[in-house]
PDB file of N, CA and C in Angstrom:
ATOM      1  N   MET A   1    -157.050  82.562 -52.848  1.00  0.00           N
ATOM      2  CA  MET A   1    -156.892  81.585 -51.786  1.00  0.00           C
ATOM      3  C   MET A   1    -158.213  80.838 -51.620  1.00  0.00           C
ATOM      4  N   THR A   2    -158.121  79.532 -51.586  1.00  0.00           N
ATOM      5  CA  THR A   2    -159.333  78.735 -51.408  1.00  0.00           C
ATOM      6  C   THR A   2    -159.807  78.820 -49.957  1.00  0.00           C
ATOM      7  N   SER A   3    -161.035  78.410 -49.751  1.00  0.00           N
ATOM      8  CA  SER A   3    -161.592  78.387 -48.400  1.00  0.00           C
ATOM      9  C   SER A   3    -160.764  77.470 -47.499  1.00  0.00           C
ATOM     10  N   PHE A   4    -160.357  76.333 -48.038  1.00  0.00           N
ATOM     11  CA  PHE A   4    -159.536  75.398 -47.268  1.00  0.00           C
ATOM     12  C   PHE A   4    -158.215  76.044 -46.873  1.00  0.00           C
ATOM     13  N   ASP A   5    -157.560  76.715 -47.831  1.00  0.00           N
ATOM     14  CA  ASP A   5    -156.283  77.378 -47.548  1.00  0.00           C
ATOM     15  C   ASP A   5    -156.442  78.466 -46.491  1.00  0.00           C
ATOM     16  N   PHE A   6    -157.509  79.258 -46.612  1.00  0.00           N
ATOM     17  CA  PHE A   6    -157.781  80.306 -45.624  1.00  0.00           C
ATOM     18  C   PHE A   6    -157.955  79.693 -44.241  1.00  0.00           C
ATOM     19  N   ASN A   7    -158.769  78.653 -44.166  1.00  0.00           N
ATOM     20  CA  ASN A   7    -159.021  77.998 -42.877  1.00  0.00           C
ATOM     21  C   ASN A   7    -157.733  77.462 -42.261  1.00  0.00           C
ATOM     22  N   GLU A   8    -156.919  76.802 -43.072  1.00  0.00           N
ATOM     23  CA  GLU A   8    -155.664  76.241 -42.563  1.00  0.00           C
ATOM     24  C   GLU A   8    -154.709  77.343 -42.117  1.00  0.00           C
ATOM     25  N   LYS A   9    -154.602  78.381 -42.918  1.00  0.00           N
ATOM     26  CA  LYS A   9    -153.691  79.481 -42.586  1.00  0.00           C
ATOM     27  C   LYS A   9    -154.071  80.120 -41.253  1.00  0.00           C
ATOM     28  N   PHE A  10    -155.346  80.419 -41.074  1.00  0.00           N
ATOM     29  CA  PHE A  10    -155.746  81.104 -39.851  1.00  0.00           C
ATOM     30  C   PHE A  10    -155.909  80.152 -38.670  1.00  0.00           C
ATOM     31  N   ARG A  11    -156.118  78.900 -38.928  1.00  0.00           N
ATOM     32  CA  ARG A  11    -156.083  77.920 -37.839  1.00  0.00           C
ATOM     33  C   ARG A  11    -154.668  77.887 -37.266  1.00  0.00           C
ATOM     34  N   ARG A  12    -153.681  77.819 -38.145  1.00  0.00           N
ATOM     35  CA  ARG A  12    -152.283  77.821 -37.696  1.00  0.00           C
ATOM     36  C   ARG A  12    -151.915  79.136 -37.010  1.00  0.00           C
ATOM     37  N   ARG A  13    -152.348  80.258 -37.583  1.00  0.00           N
ATOM     38  CA  ARG A  13    -151.990  81.553 -36.993  1.00  0.00           C
ATOM     39  C   ARG A  13    -152.592  81.730 -35.605  1.00  0.00           C
ATOM     40  N   THR A  14    -153.849  81.332 -35.432  1.00  0.00           N
ATOM     41  CA  THR A  14    -154.464  81.484 -34.106  1.00  0.00           C
ATOM     42  C   THR A  14    -153.814  80.536 -33.095  1.00  0.00           C
ATOM     43  N   GLU A  15    -153.483  79.333 -33.513  1.00  0.00           N
ATOM     44  CA  GLU A  15    -152.799  78.398 -32.619  1.00  0.00           C
ATOM     45  C   GLU A  15    -151.397  78.901 -32.279  1.00  0.00           C
ATOM     46  N   ASN A  16    -150.679  79.407 -33.282  1.00  0.00           N
ATOM     47  CA  ASN A  16    -149.332  79.917 -33.034  1.00  0.00           C
ATOM     48  C   ASN A  16    -149.351  81.123 -32.104  1.00  0.00           C
ATOM     49  N   LEU A  17    -150.349  81.984 -32.254  1.00  0.00           N
ATOM     50  CA  LEU A  17    -150.467  83.121 -31.346  1.00  0.00           C
ATOM     51  C   LEU A  17    -150.675  82.621 -29.916  1.00  0.00           C
ATOM     52  N   SER A  18    -151.522  81.635 -29.747  1.00  0.00           N
ATOM     53  CA  SER A  18    -151.750  81.063 -28.411  1.00  0.00           C
ATOM     54  C   SER A  18    -150.456  80.516 -27.820  1.00  0.00           C
ATOM     55  N   LEU A  19    -149.714  79.775 -28.619  1.00  0.00           N
ATOM     56  CA  LEU A  19    -148.456  79.196 -28.136  1.00  0.00           C
ATOM     57  C   LEU A  19    -147.425  80.272 -27.811  1.00  0.00           C
ATOM     58  N   THR A  20    -147.382  81.322 -28.613  1.00  0.00           N
ATOM     59  CA  THR A  20    -146.464  82.434 -28.350  1.00  0.00           C
ATOM     60  C   THR A  20    -146.800  83.101 -27.022  1.00  0.00           C
ATOM     61  N   ILE A  21    -148.083  83.318 -26.783  1.00  0.00           N
ATOM     62  CA  ILE A  21    -148.521  83.944 -25.528  1.00  0.00           C
ATOM     63  C   ILE A  21    -148.209  83.042 -24.336  1.00  0.00           C
ATOM     64  N   ILE A  22    -148.473  81.758 -24.461  1.00  0.00           N
ATOM     65  CA  ILE A  22    -148.174  80.819 -23.377  1.00  0.00           C
ATOM     66  C   ILE A  22    -146.675  80.817 -23.085  1.00  0.00           C
ATOM     67  N   ASP A  23    -145.866  80.803 -24.126  1.00  0.00           N
ATOM     68  CA  ASP A  23    -144.413  80.823 -23.959  1.00  0.00           C
ATOM     69  C   ASP A  23    -143.967  82.112 -23.273  1.00  0.00           C
ATOM     70  N   TRP A  24    -144.482  83.249 -23.729  1.00  0.00           N
ATOM     71  CA  TRP A  24    -144.132  84.542 -23.123  1.00  0.00           C
ATOM     72  C   TRP A  24    -144.517  84.554 -21.646  1.00  0.00           C
ATOM     73  N   TYR A  25    -145.722  84.123 -21.344  1.00  0.00           N
ATOM     74  CA  TYR A  25    -146.203  84.145 -19.961  1.00  0.00           C
ATOM     75  C   TYR A  25    -145.366  83.230 -19.064  1.00  0.00           C
ATOM     76  N   SER A  26    -144.954  82.092 -19.579  1.00  0.00           N
ATOM     77  CA  SER A  26    -144.183  81.145 -18.765  1.00  0.00           C
ATOM     78  C   SER A  26    -142.822  81.712 -18.375  1.00  0.00           C
ATOM     79  N   LYS A  27    -142.310  82.670 -19.142  1.00  0.00           N
ATOM     80  CA  LYS A  27    -141.007  83.279 -18.853  1.00  0.00           C
ATOM     81  C   LYS A  27    -141.128  84.551 -18.022  1.00  0.00           C
ATOM     82  N   LEU A  28    -142.339  84.995 -17.785  1.00  0.00           N
ATOM     83  CA  LEU A  28    -142.594  86.255 -17.091  1.00  0.00           C
ATOM     84  C   LEU A  28    -142.496  86.083 -15.580  1.00  0.00           C
ATOM     85  N   ASP A  29    -142.028  87.135 -14.903  1.00  0.00           N
ATOM     86  CA  ASP A  29    -142.045  87.144 -13.437  1.00  0.00           C
ATOM     87  C   ASP A  29    -143.506  87.257 -13.011  1.00  0.00           C
ATOM     88  N   GLN A  30    -144.019  86.217 -12.406  1.00  0.00           N
ATOM     89  CA  GLN A  30    -145.437  86.150 -12.050  1.00  0.00           C
ATOM     90  C   GLN A  30    -145.659  86.375 -10.557  1.00  0.00           C
ATOM     91  N   SER A  31    -144.829  87.220  -9.962  1.00  0.00           N
ATOM     92  CA  SER A  31    -144.914  87.410  -8.514  1.00  0.00           C
ATOM     93  C   SER A  31    -146.114  88.253  -8.079  1.00  0.00           C
ATOM     94  N   SER A  32    -146.673  89.052  -8.972  1.00  0.00           N
ATOM     95  CA  SER A  32    -147.825  89.870  -8.566  1.00  0.00           C
ATOM     96  C   SER A  32    -149.139  89.219  -9.002  1.00  0.00           C
ATOM     97  N   GLU A  33    -150.154  89.438  -8.192  1.00  0.00           N
ATOM     98  CA  GLU A  33    -151.483  88.904  -8.513  1.00  0.00           C
ATOM     99  C   GLU A  33    -152.022  89.493  -9.808  1.00  0.00           C
ATOM    100  N   GLU A  34    -151.730  90.769 -10.050  1.00  0.00           N
ATOM    101  CA  GLU A  34    -152.217  91.430 -11.264  1.00  0.00           C
ATOM    102  C   GLU A  34    -151.672  90.744 -12.511  1.00  0.00           C
ATOM    103  N   ILE A  35    -150.378  90.458 -12.504  1.00  0.00           N
ATOM    104  CA  ILE A  35    -149.756  89.785 -13.648  1.00  0.00           C
ATOM    105  C   ILE A  35    -150.351  88.396 -13.828  1.00  0.00           C
ATOM    106  N   GLN A  36    -150.538  87.679 -12.743  1.00  0.00           N
ATOM    107  CA  GLN A  36    -151.124  86.340 -12.833  1.00  0.00           C
ATOM    108  C   GLN A  36    -152.533  86.399 -13.418  1.00  0.00           C
ATOM    109  N   LEU A  37    -153.339  87.316 -12.923  1.00  0.00           N
ATOM    110  CA  LEU A  37    -154.718  87.444 -13.389  1.00  0.00           C
ATOM    111  C   LEU A  37    -154.774  87.822 -14.868  1.00  0.00           C
ATOM    112  N   LEU A  38    -154.064  88.878 -15.234  1.00  0.00           N
ATOM    113  CA  LEU A  38    -154.101  89.336 -16.623  1.00  0.00           C
ATOM    114  C   LEU A  38    -153.478  88.312 -17.563  1.00  0.00           C
ATOM    115  N   GLY A  39    -152.402  87.672 -17.130  1.00  0.00           N
ATOM    116  CA  GLY A  39    -151.757  86.657 -17.968  1.00  0.00           C
ATOM    117  C   GLY A  39    -152.660  85.465 -18.227  1.00  0.00           C
ATOM    118  N   ARG A  40    -153.342  85.033 -17.206  1.00  0.00           N
ATOM    119  CA  ARG A  40    -154.259  83.893 -17.386  1.00  0.00           C
ATOM    120  C   ARG A  40    -155.449  84.271 -18.262  1.00  0.00           C
ATOM    121  N   GLN A  41    -155.960  85.474 -18.083  1.00  0.00           N
ATOM    122  CA  GLN A  41    -157.061  85.938 -18.937  1.00  0.00           C
ATOM    123  C   GLN A  41    -156.599  86.026 -20.394  1.00  0.00           C
ATOM    124  N   LEU A  42    -155.371  86.494 -20.590  1.00  0.00           N
ATOM    125  CA  LEU A  42    -154.805  86.590 -21.936  1.00  0.00           C
ATOM    126  C   LEU A  42    -154.702  85.208 -22.573  1.00  0.00           C
ATOM    127  N   ILE A  43    -154.185  84.257 -21.826  1.00  0.00           N
ATOM    128  CA  ILE A  43    -154.079  82.888 -22.347  1.00  0.00           C
ATOM    129  C   ILE A  43    -155.463  82.328 -22.663  1.00  0.00           C
ATOM    130  N   LEU A  44    -156.409  82.557 -21.781  1.00  0.00           N
ATOM    131  CA  LEU A  44    -157.771  82.063 -21.994  1.00  0.00           C
ATOM    132  C   LEU A  44    -158.384  82.654 -23.263  1.00  0.00           C
ATOM    133  N   SER A  45    -158.252  83.955 -23.451  1.00  0.00           N
ATOM    134  CA  SER A  45    -158.870  84.578 -24.630  1.00  0.00           C
ATOM    135  C   SER A  45    -158.170  84.151 -25.921  1.00  0.00           C
ATOM    136  N   ALA A  46    -156.850  84.033 -25.885  1.00  0.00           N
ATOM    137  CA  ALA A  46    -156.124  83.618 -27.092  1.00  0.00           C
ATOM    138  C   ALA A  46    -156.457  82.180 -27.475  1.00  0.00           C
ATOM    139  N   THR A  47    -156.495  81.290 -26.491  1.00  0.00           N
ATOM    140  CA  THR A  47    -156.828  79.897 -26.804  1.00  0.00           C
ATOM    141  C   THR A  47    -158.300  79.754 -27.183  1.00  0.00           C
ATOM    142  N   SER A  48    -159.159  80.593 -26.626  1.00  0.00           N
ATOM    143  CA  SER A  48    -160.578  80.583 -27.020  1.00  0.00           C
ATOM    144  C   SER A  48    -160.742  81.050 -28.460  1.00  0.00           C
ATOM    145  N   THR A  49    -159.931  82.011 -28.867  1.00  0.00           N
ATOM    146  CA  THR A  49    -159.958  82.460 -30.261  1.00  0.00           C
ATOM    147  C   THR A  49    -159.574  81.307 -31.182  1.00  0.00           C
ATOM    148  N   ALA A  50    -158.499  80.612 -30.832  1.00  0.00           N
ATOM    149  CA  ALA A  50    -158.042  79.489 -31.659  1.00  0.00           C
ATOM    150  C   ALA A  50    -159.077  78.368 -31.703  1.00  0.00           C
ATOM    151  N   SER A  51    -159.630  78.012 -30.555  1.00  0.00           N
ATOM    152  CA  SER A  51    -160.613  76.921 -30.551  1.00  0.00           C
ATOM    153  C   SER A  51    -161.907  77.348 -31.232  1.00  0.00           C
ATOM    154  N   GLY A  52    -162.280  78.606 -31.078  1.00  0.00           N
ATOM    155  CA  GLY A  52    -163.482  79.114 -31.748  1.00  0.00           C
ATOM    156  C   GLY A  52    -163.344  79.100 -33.256  1.00  0.00           C
ATOM    157  N   PHE A  53    -162.143  79.449 -33.741  1.00  0.00           N
ATOM    158  CA  PHE A  53    -161.949  79.418 -35.193  1.00  0.00           C
ATOM    159  C   PHE A  53    -161.973  77.986 -35.709  1.00  0.00           C
ATOM    160  N   ARG A  54    -161.388  77.068 -34.965  1.00  0.00           N
ATOM    161  CA  ARG A  54    -161.466  75.651 -35.364  1.00  0.00           C
ATOM    162  C   ARG A  54    -162.923  75.213 -35.470  1.00  0.00           C
ATOM    163  N   ALA A  55    -163.736  75.622 -34.499  1.00  0.00           N
ATOM    164  CA  ALA A  55    -165.159  75.264 -34.520  1.00  0.00           C
ATOM    165  C   ALA A  55    -165.861  75.911 -35.710  1.00  0.00           C
ATOM    166  N   ALA A  56    -165.507  77.146 -36.024  1.00  0.00           N
ATOM    167  CA  ALA A  56    -166.117  77.830 -37.171  1.00  0.00           C
ATOM    168  C   ALA A  56    -165.789  77.103 -38.471  1.00  0.00           C
ATOM    169  N   CYS A  57    -164.599  76.552 -38.557  1.00  0.00           N
ATOM    170  CA  CYS A  57    -164.194  75.809 -39.759  1.00  0.00           C
ATOM    171  C   CYS A  57    -165.018  74.539 -39.942  1.00  0.00           C
ATOM    172  N   ARG A  58    -165.565  74.038 -38.862  1.00  0.00           N
ATOM    173  CA  ARG A  58    -166.359  72.804 -38.919  1.00  0.00           C
ATOM    174  C   ARG A  58    -167.865  73.070 -38.919  1.00  0.00           C
ATOM    175  N   ALA A  59    -168.237  74.318 -39.055  1.00  0.00           N
ATOM    176  CA  ALA A  59    -169.661  74.679 -39.027  1.00  0.00           C
ATOM    177  C   ALA A  59    -170.411  73.972 -40.152  1.00  0.00           C
ATOM    178  N   ASN A  60    -171.660  73.623 -39.869  1.00  0.00           N
ATOM    179  CA  ASN A  60    -172.480  72.893 -40.833  1.00  0.00           C
ATOM    180  C   ASN A  60    -173.272  73.792 -41.762  1.00  0.00           C
ATOM    181  N   SER A  61    -173.299  75.076 -41.468  1.00  0.00           N
ATOM    182  CA  SER A  61    -174.046  75.998 -42.324  1.00  0.00           C
ATOM    183  C   SER A  61    -173.389  77.373 -42.273  1.00  0.00           C
ATOM    184  N   ARG A  62    -173.774  78.195 -43.206  1.00  0.00           N
ATOM    185  CA  ARG A  62    -173.273  79.571 -43.259  1.00  0.00           C
ATOM    186  C   ARG A  62    -173.685  80.331 -41.991  1.00  0.00           C
ATOM    187  N   THR A  63    -174.905  80.111 -41.539  1.00  0.00           N
ATOM    188  CA  THR A  63    -175.394  80.777 -40.328  1.00  0.00           C
ATOM    189  C   THR A  63    -174.585  80.343 -39.110  1.00  0.00           C
ATOM    190  N   GLU A  64    -174.334  79.057 -38.995  1.00  0.00           N
ATOM    191  CA  GLU A  64    -173.549  78.562 -37.862  1.00  0.00           C
ATOM    192  C   GLU A  64    -172.128  79.116 -37.907  1.00  0.00           C
ATOM    193  N   ARG A  65    -171.532  79.170 -39.093  1.00  0.00           N
ATOM    194  CA  ARG A  65    -170.175  79.728 -39.227  1.00  0.00           C
ATOM    195  C   ARG A  65    -170.167  81.195 -38.811  1.00  0.00           C
ATOM    196  N   TYR A  66    -171.171  81.943 -39.241  1.00  0.00           N
ATOM    197  CA  TYR A  66    -171.267  83.355 -38.869  1.00  0.00           C
ATOM    198  C   TYR A  66    -171.331  83.503 -37.347  1.00  0.00           C
ATOM    199  N   GLN A  67    -172.154  82.702 -36.706  1.00  0.00           N
ATOM    200  CA  GLN A  67    -172.294  82.782 -35.246  1.00  0.00           C
ATOM    201  C   GLN A  67    -170.986  82.446 -34.538  1.00  0.00           C
ATOM    202  N   LYS A  68    -170.299  81.437 -35.023  1.00  0.00           N
ATOM    203  CA  LYS A  68    -169.032  81.057 -34.404  1.00  0.00           C
ATOM    204  C   LYS A  68    -167.966  82.121 -34.651  1.00  0.00           C
ATOM    205  N   LEU A  69    -167.978  82.720 -35.825  1.00  0.00           N
ATOM    206  CA  LEU A  69    -167.031  83.799 -36.100  1.00  0.00           C
ATOM    207  C   LEU A  69    -167.315  85.020 -35.234  1.00  0.00           C
ATOM    208  N   HIS A  70    -168.572  85.236 -34.905  1.00  0.00           N
ATOM    209  CA  HIS A  70    -168.923  86.334 -34.001  1.00  0.00           C
ATOM    210  C   HIS A  70    -168.208  86.137 -32.658  1.00  0.00           C
ATOM    211  N   ALA A  71    -168.215  84.924 -32.146  1.00  0.00           N
ATOM    212  CA  ALA A  71    -167.522  84.625 -30.886  1.00  0.00           C
ATOM    213  C   ALA A  71    -166.008  84.779 -31.045  1.00  0.00           C
ATOM    214  N   VAL A  72    -165.482  84.392 -32.201  1.00  0.00           N
ATOM    215  CA  VAL A  72    -164.044  84.534 -32.460  1.00  0.00           C
ATOM    216  C   VAL A  72    -163.643  86.009 -32.436  1.00  0.00           C
ATOM    217  N   VAL A  73    -164.450  86.852 -33.049  1.00  0.00           N
ATOM    218  CA  VAL A  73    -164.161  88.288 -33.049  1.00  0.00           C
ATOM    219  C   VAL A  73    -164.178  88.825 -31.619  1.00  0.00           C
ATOM    220  N   GLU A  74    -165.137  88.408 -30.831  1.00  0.00           N
ATOM    221  CA  GLU A  74    -165.216  88.868 -29.436  1.00  0.00           C
ATOM    222  C   GLU A  74    -164.003  88.427 -28.624  1.00  0.00           C
ATOM    223  N   THR A  75    -163.598  87.180 -28.747  1.00  0.00           N
ATOM    224  CA  THR A  75    -162.446  86.720 -27.962  1.00  0.00           C
ATOM    225  C   THR A  75    -161.146  87.327 -28.484  1.00  0.00           C
ATOM    226  N   SER A  76    -161.077  87.596 -29.786  1.00  0.00           N
ATOM    227  CA  SER A  76    -159.907  88.295 -30.336  1.00  0.00           C
ATOM    228  C   SER A  76    -159.790  89.690 -29.744  1.00  0.00           C
ATOM    229  N   ASP A  77    -160.924  90.365 -29.630  1.00  0.00           N
ATOM    230  CA  ASP A  77    -160.923  91.703 -29.044  1.00  0.00           C
ATOM    231  C   ASP A  77    -160.550  91.647 -27.559  1.00  0.00           C
ATOM    232  N   GLN A  78    -161.002  90.625 -26.860  1.00  0.00           N
ATOM    233  CA  GLN A  78    -160.613  90.453 -25.456  1.00  0.00           C
ATOM    234  C   GLN A  78    -159.103  90.261 -25.334  1.00  0.00           C
ATOM    235  N   THR A  79    -158.529  89.517 -26.260  1.00  0.00           N
ATOM    236  CA  THR A  79    -157.079  89.323 -26.258  1.00  0.00           C
ATOM    237  C   THR A  79    -156.365  90.667 -26.332  1.00  0.00           C
ATOM    238  N   LEU A  80    -156.856  91.547 -27.195  1.00  0.00           N
ATOM    239  CA  LEU A  80    -156.249  92.875 -27.305  1.00  0.00           C
ATOM    240  C   LEU A  80    -156.410  93.673 -26.016  1.00  0.00           C
ATOM    241  N   LEU A  81    -157.551  93.547 -25.362  1.00  0.00           N
ATOM    242  CA  LEU A  81    -157.754  94.237 -24.088  1.00  0.00           C
ATOM    243  C   LEU A  81    -156.716  93.792 -23.064  1.00  0.00           C
ATOM    244  N   TRP A  82    -156.535  92.486 -22.898  1.00  0.00           N
ATOM    245  CA  TRP A  82    -155.576  91.984 -21.910  1.00  0.00           C
ATOM    246  C   TRP A  82    -154.158  92.406 -22.274  1.00  0.00           C
ATOM    247  N   LEU A  83    -153.841  92.411 -23.562  1.00  0.00           N
ATOM    248  CA  LEU A  83    -152.514  92.876 -23.983  1.00  0.00           C
ATOM    249  C   LEU A  83    -152.327  94.355 -23.661  1.00  0.00           C
ATOM    250  N   ASP A  84    -153.350  95.169 -23.920  1.00  0.00           N
ATOM    251  CA  ASP A  84    -153.280  96.599 -23.585  1.00  0.00           C
ATOM    252  C   ASP A  84    -153.017  96.798 -22.098  1.00  0.00           C
ATOM    253  N   LEU A  85    -153.755  96.088 -21.269  1.00  0.00           N
ATOM    254  CA  LEU A  85    -153.591  96.231 -19.820  1.00  0.00           C
ATOM    255  C   LEU A  85    -152.206  95.764 -19.364  1.00  0.00           C
ATOM    256  N   LEU A  86    -151.742  94.668 -19.932  1.00  0.00           N
ATOM    257  CA  LEU A  86    -150.407  94.182 -19.574  1.00  0.00           C
ATOM    258  C   LEU A  86    -149.323  95.165 -20.001  1.00  0.00           C
ATOM    259  N   LYS A  87    -149.489  95.783 -21.164  1.00  0.00           N
ATOM    260  CA  LYS A  87    -148.507  96.779 -21.609  1.00  0.00           C
ATOM    261  C   LYS A  87    -148.467  97.960 -20.647  1.00  0.00           C
ATOM    262  N   ARG A  88    -149.600  98.315 -20.078  1.00  0.00           N
ATOM    263  CA  ARG A  88    -149.642  99.439 -19.137  1.00  0.00           C
ATOM    264  C   ARG A  88    -148.958  99.117 -17.814  1.00  0.00           C
ATOM    265  N   ILE A  89    -149.156  97.900 -17.316  1.00  0.00           N
ATOM    266  CA  ILE A  89    -148.558  97.594 -16.013  1.00  0.00           C
ATOM    267  C   ILE A  89    -147.171  96.962 -16.133  1.00  0.00           C
ATOM    268  N   GLN A  90    -146.797  96.569 -17.342  1.00  0.00           N
ATOM    269  CA  GLN A  90    -145.469  96.002 -17.595  1.00  0.00           C
ATOM    270  C   GLN A  90    -144.831  96.708 -18.801  1.00  0.00           C
ATOM    271  N   PRO A  91    -144.584  98.018 -18.724  1.00  0.00           N
ATOM    272  CA  PRO A  91    -144.077  98.736 -19.899  1.00  0.00           C
ATOM    273  C   PRO A  91    -142.737  98.195 -20.404  1.00  0.00           C
ATOM    274  N   HIS A  92    -141.957  97.595 -19.525  1.00  0.00           N
ATOM    275  CA  HIS A  92    -140.669  97.033 -19.947  1.00  0.00           C
ATOM    276  C   HIS A  92    -140.841  95.771 -20.806  1.00  0.00           C
ATOM    277  N   GLU A  93    -142.044  95.254 -20.894  1.00  0.00           N
ATOM    278  CA  GLU A  93    -142.326  94.079 -21.731  1.00  0.00           C
ATOM    279  C   GLU A  93    -142.779  94.477 -23.138  1.00  0.00           C
ATOM    280  N   GLN A  94    -142.749  95.767 -23.445  1.00  0.00           N
ATOM    281  CA  GLN A  94    -143.231  96.272 -24.734  1.00  0.00           C
ATOM    282  C   GLN A  94    -142.566  95.561 -25.912  1.00  0.00           C
ATOM    283  N   GLN A  95    -141.268  95.308 -25.821  1.00  0.00           N
ATOM    284  CA  GLN A  95    -140.573  94.670 -26.945  1.00  0.00           C
ATOM    285  C   GLN A  95    -141.127  93.281 -27.245  1.00  0.00           C
ATOM    286  N   HIS A  96    -141.621  92.594 -26.226  1.00  0.00           N
ATOM    287  CA  HIS A  96    -142.210  91.268 -26.430  1.00  0.00           C
ATOM    288  C   HIS A  96    -143.694  91.365 -26.777  1.00  0.00           C
ATOM    289  N   LEU A  97    -144.385  92.289 -26.128  1.00  0.00           N
ATOM    290  CA  LEU A  97    -145.830  92.393 -26.334  1.00  0.00           C
ATOM    291  C   LEU A  97    -146.197  93.080 -27.643  1.00  0.00           C
ATOM    292  N   GLY A  98    -145.334  93.947 -28.147  1.00  0.00           N
ATOM    293  CA  GLY A  98    -145.628  94.663 -29.391  1.00  0.00           C
ATOM    294  C   GLY A  98    -145.936  93.732 -30.560  1.00  0.00           C
ATOM    295  N   PRO A  99    -145.040  92.793 -30.881  1.00  0.00           N
ATOM    296  CA  PRO A  99    -145.314  91.865 -31.987  1.00  0.00           C
ATOM    297  C   PRO A  99    -146.518  90.955 -31.722  1.00  0.00           C
ATOM    298  N   ILE A 100    -146.707  90.562 -30.471  1.00  0.00           N
ATOM    299  CA  ILE A 100    -147.869  89.741 -30.119  1.00  0.00           C
ATOM    300  C   ILE A 100    -149.139  90.543 -30.360  1.00  0.00           C
ATOM    301  N   TYR A 101    -149.132  91.804 -29.939  1.00  0.00           N
ATOM    302  CA  TYR A 101    -150.285  92.687 -30.133  1.00  0.00           C
ATOM    303  C   TYR A 101    -150.587  92.854 -31.625  1.00  0.00           C
ATOM    304  N   GLU A 102    -149.555  93.085 -32.421  1.00  0.00           N
ATOM    305  CA  GLU A 102    -149.754  93.281 -33.863  1.00  0.00           C
ATOM    306  C   GLU A 102    -150.375  92.048 -34.519  1.00  0.00           C
ATOM    307  N   GLU A 103    -149.917  90.870 -34.144  1.00  0.00           N
ATOM    308  CA  GLU A 103    -150.495  89.638 -34.706  1.00  0.00           C
ATOM    309  C   GLU A 103    -151.941  89.464 -34.252  1.00  0.00           C
ATOM    310  N   ALA A 104    -152.212  89.729 -32.979  1.00  0.00           N
ATOM    311  CA  ALA A 104    -153.589  89.616 -32.473  1.00  0.00           C
ATOM    312  C   ALA A 104    -154.504  90.610 -33.177  1.00  0.00           C
ATOM    313  N   LEU A 105    -154.019  91.819 -33.413  1.00  0.00           N
ATOM    314  CA  LEU A 105    -154.810  92.834 -34.112  1.00  0.00           C
ATOM    315  C   LEU A 105    -155.084  92.417 -35.554  1.00  0.00           C
ATOM    316  N   GLU A 106    -154.088  91.879 -36.218  1.00  0.00           N
ATOM    317  CA  GLU A 106    -154.266  91.421 -37.599  1.00  0.00           C
ATOM    318  C   GLU A 106    -155.293  90.288 -37.663  1.00  0.00           C
ATOM    319  N   ILE A 107    -155.223  89.361 -36.737  1.00  0.00           N
ATOM    320  CA  ILE A 107    -156.199  88.268 -36.690  1.00  0.00           C
ATOM    321  C   ILE A 107    -157.596  88.829 -36.466  1.00  0.00           C
ATOM    322  N   LEU A 108    -157.736  89.776 -35.554  1.00  0.00           N
ATOM    323  CA  LEU A 108    -159.044  90.398 -35.308  1.00  0.00           C
ATOM    324  C   LEU A 108    -159.583  91.056 -36.573  1.00  0.00           C
ATOM    325  N   LYS A 109    -158.759  91.808 -37.266  1.00  0.00           N
ATOM    326  CA  LYS A 109    -159.204  92.495 -38.486  1.00  0.00           C
ATOM    327  C   LYS A 109    -159.677  91.494 -39.542  1.00  0.00           C
ATOM    328  N   VAL A 110    -158.905  90.442 -39.733  1.00  0.00           N
ATOM    329  CA  VAL A 110    -159.269  89.442 -40.744  1.00  0.00           C
ATOM    330  C   VAL A 110    -160.559  88.727 -40.354  1.00  0.00           C
ATOM    331  N   MET A 111    -160.683  88.350 -39.088  1.00  0.00           N
ATOM    332  CA  MET A 111    -161.887  87.641 -38.640  1.00  0.00           C
ATOM    333  C   MET A 111    -163.123  88.536 -38.728  1.00  0.00           C
ATOM    334  N   ALA A 112    -162.987  89.809 -38.384  1.00  0.00           N
ATOM    335  CA  ALA A 112    -164.122  90.734 -38.472  1.00  0.00           C
ATOM    336  C   ALA A 112    -164.548  90.923 -39.925  1.00  0.00           C
ATOM    337  N   THR A 113    -163.587  91.037 -40.820  1.00  0.00           N
ATOM    338  CA  THR A 113    -163.902  91.178 -42.246  1.00  0.00           C
ATOM    339  C   THR A 113    -164.544  89.905 -42.781  1.00  0.00           C
ATOM    340  N   HIS A 114    -163.989  88.771 -42.408  1.00  0.00           N
ATOM    341  CA  HIS A 114    -164.540  87.486 -42.850  1.00  0.00           C
ATOM    342  C   HIS A 114    -165.981  87.325 -42.364  1.00  0.00           C
ATOM    343  N   ARG A 115    -166.226  87.678 -41.123  1.00  0.00           N
ATOM    344  CA  ARG A 115    -167.590  87.605 -40.567  1.00  0.00           C
ATOM    345  C   ARG A 115    -168.519  88.549 -41.329  1.00  0.00           C
ATOM    346  N   ARG A 116    -168.064  89.763 -41.580  1.00  0.00           N
ATOM    347  CA  ARG A 116    -168.883  90.747 -42.300  1.00  0.00           C
ATOM    348  C   ARG A 116    -169.239  90.224 -43.698  1.00  0.00           C
ATOM    349  N   ASN A 117    -168.288  89.585 -44.353  1.00  0.00           N
ATOM    350  CA  ASN A 117    -168.540  89.050 -45.693  1.00  0.00           C
ATOM    351  C   ASN A 117    -169.518  87.879 -45.681  1.00  0.00           C
ATOM    352  N   LEU A 118    -169.654  87.223 -44.542  1.00  0.00           N
ATOM    353  CA  LEU A 118    -170.602  86.112 -44.411  1.00  0.00           C
ATOM    354  C   LEU A 118    -171.975  86.558 -43.950  1.00  0.00           C
ATOM    355  N   GLN A 119    -172.103  87.832 -43.619  1.00  0.00           N
ATOM    356  CA  GLN A 119    -173.316  88.334 -42.967  1.00  0.00           C
ATOM    357  C   GLN A 119    -174.581  87.733 -43.578  1.00  0.00           C
ATOM    358  N   ILE A 120    -175.421  87.245 -42.692  1.00  0.00           N
ATOM    359  CA  ILE A 120    -176.673  86.590 -43.075  1.00  0.00           C
ATOM    360  C   ILE A 120    -177.781  87.634 -43.075  1.00  0.00           C
ATOM    361  N   SER A 121    -178.600  87.626 -44.137  1.00  0.00           N
ATOM    362  CA  SER A 121    -179.683  88.621 -44.192  1.00  0.00           C
ATOM    363  C   SER A 121    -180.903  88.192 -43.440  1.00  0.00           C
TER     364      SER A 121
END
């Protein structure tokens, strides 16, 4: 896979994950403050992951790309945290959150590996 293909594939995947989360949240009963807080944090971290990866794709140097990927890994991990917390307080949403969690975890693994492979000495 070329660098361009990798960038396009994961740009689409991070954006699609964000849209999936936004769609899921919009259908959720948001009557509790906890759900509102965690849902908004989840949306923020997922969209930050997508925007961070877009920025990493436009980096002007290997060092800049590494730094931007570092932020992508952090926001990806935050996404998993919010998903974990939502699964605990909304166990009946497991069927919807499970696939979202798996995709977020896969994105985190790929981004962490990609960052490690770029490591600057």
